[in-house]
C-alpha cells in the first residue's frame, strides 16, 4: 500500500514541478521536453523510472500544452501519466496502477 501511496504523491509532485517550470513564460508553456526533465527528477525514486531518458511512452508520459485558463489568461497545462511496476495484487487493488495528474498554471 505504501508504494502506491508514494507513487500517487510523486506523480502529483512531478506534474506540479513541471507546470511551475513551463508556466515561466509563453515560450515554455508547451515545452514537453523540459517538463519531462522536471517530472523525471520528481519520480527518480521509482525503480522503473530511474533509467529513463524521455517521457514519451509507458511507464512515464508527460505532455505540456499552452492553454487559456478559466480566467482568460494564458496558461500551461501539464499532464503526467505514470504506470507503476506490476506488484502482488492487494484485495481491492489491481497489481498495477496507471496514475494521471494534470496541473494548470497561469503563464507569468
Protein backbone atom coordinates (compact mmCIF):
# COMPACT_ATOMS: atom_id res chain seq x y z
CA UNK A 1 0.00 0.00 0.00
CA UNK A 2 2.88 2.35 0.81
CA UNK A 3 4.36 2.00 -2.68
CA UNK A 4 1.07 3.03 -4.30
CA UNK A 5 0.72 5.99 -1.95
CA UNK A 6 4.25 7.12 -2.74
CA UNK A 7 3.56 6.77 -6.47
CA UNK A 8 0.43 8.94 -6.18
CA UNK A 9 2.26 11.67 -4.27
CA UNK A 10 5.31 11.60 -6.54
CA UNK A 11 3.16 11.81 -9.69
CA UNK A 12 1.31 14.84 -8.32
CA UNK A 13 4.62 16.48 -7.37
CA UNK A 14 6.00 15.76 -10.85
CA UNK A 15 3.03 17.43 -12.53
CA UNK A 16 3.27 20.43 -10.19
CA UNK A 17 7.03 20.89 -10.68
CA UNK A 18 6.76 20.58 -14.45
CA UNK A 19 3.86 23.06 -14.60
CA UNK A 20 5.75 25.54 -12.42
CA UNK A 21 8.62 25.40 -14.92
CA UNK A 22 6.54 25.59 -18.10
CA UNK A 23 4.45 28.50 -16.79
CA UNK A 24 7.51 30.76 -16.50
CA UNK A 25 6.77 32.40 -19.87
CA UNK A 26 4.77 31.88 -23.05
CA UNK A 27 7.75 30.32 -24.87
CA UNK A 28 7.98 27.42 -22.40
CA UNK A 29 4.22 26.90 -21.91
CA UNK A 30 4.11 23.95 -24.33
CA UNK A 31 7.66 22.64 -23.78
CA UNK A 32 7.09 18.94 -23.09
CA UNK A 33 10.82 18.22 -23.22
CA UNK A 34 11.75 20.41 -20.28
CA UNK A 35 8.56 19.37 -18.44
CA UNK A 36 9.78 15.78 -18.84
CA UNK A 37 13.08 16.58 -17.13
CA UNK A 38 11.29 18.07 -14.11
CA UNK A 39 8.96 15.07 -13.92
CA UNK A 40 11.90 12.66 -14.13
CA UNK A 41 13.56 14.47 -11.21
CA UNK A 42 10.45 14.06 -9.06
CA UNK A 43 9.93 10.40 -9.99
CA UNK A 44 13.57 9.25 -9.87
CA UNK A 45 12.94 7.14 -6.75
CA UNK A 46 10.66 4.84 -8.75
CA UNK A 47 12.58 1.78 -9.92
CA UNK A 48 11.05 1.74 -13.40
CA UNK A 49 11.84 5.44 -13.99
CA UNK A 50 15.49 5.65 -12.86
CA UNK A 51 16.95 4.77 -16.25
CA UNK A 52 14.51 6.70 -18.45
CA UNK A 53 15.82 9.48 -20.67
CA UNK A 54 12.49 10.61 -22.14
CA UNK A 55 8.80 10.67 -21.31
CA UNK A 56 7.12 9.53 -24.50
CA UNK A 57 5.88 6.06 -23.57
CA UNK A 58 4.96 3.97 -20.55
CA UNK A 59 5.86 3.93 -17.74
CA UNK A 60 6.05 7.76 -17.97
CA UNK A 61 4.25 10.08 -20.36
CA UNK A 62 4.49 13.85 -19.92
CA UNK A 63 2.75 16.42 -22.11
CA UNK A 64 2.75 20.20 -21.81
CA UNK A 65 0.21 22.32 -23.63
CA UNK A 66 -0.33 26.05 -23.91
CA UNK A 67 -3.95 26.76 -22.99
CA UNK A 68 -6.22 29.59 -21.96
CA UNK A 69 -7.08 29.34 -18.29
CA UNK A 70 -10.60 29.64 -16.90
CA UNK A 71 -9.79 33.28 -16.06
CA UNK A 72 -8.99 34.01 -19.73
CA UNK A 73 -5.24 34.37 -19.21
CA UNK A 74 -2.61 32.23 -20.98
CA UNK A 75 -1.66 29.14 -19.01
CA UNK A 76 0.37 25.97 -19.25
CA UNK A 77 -1.28 22.60 -18.66
CA UNK A 78 0.99 19.66 -17.83
CA UNK A 79 -0.25 16.08 -17.71
CA UNK A 80 1.87 13.33 -16.15
CA UNK A 81 0.89 9.67 -16.52
CA UNK A 82 2.88 7.13 -14.54
CA UNK A 83 2.43 3.35 -14.68
CA UNK A 84 3.62 1.53 -11.57
CA UNK A 85 5.54 -1.72 -11.56
CA UNK A 86 3.43 -4.86 -11.51
CA UNK A 87 3.02 -5.76 -7.84
CA UNK A 88 1.33 -8.55 -5.93
CA UNK A 89 -2.41 -7.81 -6.11
CA UNK A 90 -3.93 -6.39 -2.93
CA UNK A 91 -7.64 -7.06 -2.41
CA UNK A 92 -9.46 -4.11 -3.92
CA UNK A 93 -6.44 -3.01 -5.99
CA UNK A 94 -5.06 -4.40 -9.22
CA UNK A 95 -1.41 -5.36 -9.40
CA UNK A 96 -0.51 -2.29 -11.49
CA UNK A 97 -1.82 1.29 -11.43
CA UNK A 98 -1.93 3.96 -14.12
CA UNK A 99 -1.85 7.33 -12.39
CA UNK A 100 -2.57 10.56 -14.26
CA UNK A 101 -2.29 14.01 -12.74
CA UNK A 102 -2.83 17.29 -14.58
CA UNK A 103 -1.80 20.72 -13.30
CA UNK A 104 -2.59 24.05 -14.94
CA UNK A 105 -0.73 27.27 -14.04
CA UNK A 106 -1.07 30.77 -15.36
CA UNK A 107 1.86 31.95 -17.51
CA UNK A 108 3.78 34.64 -15.63
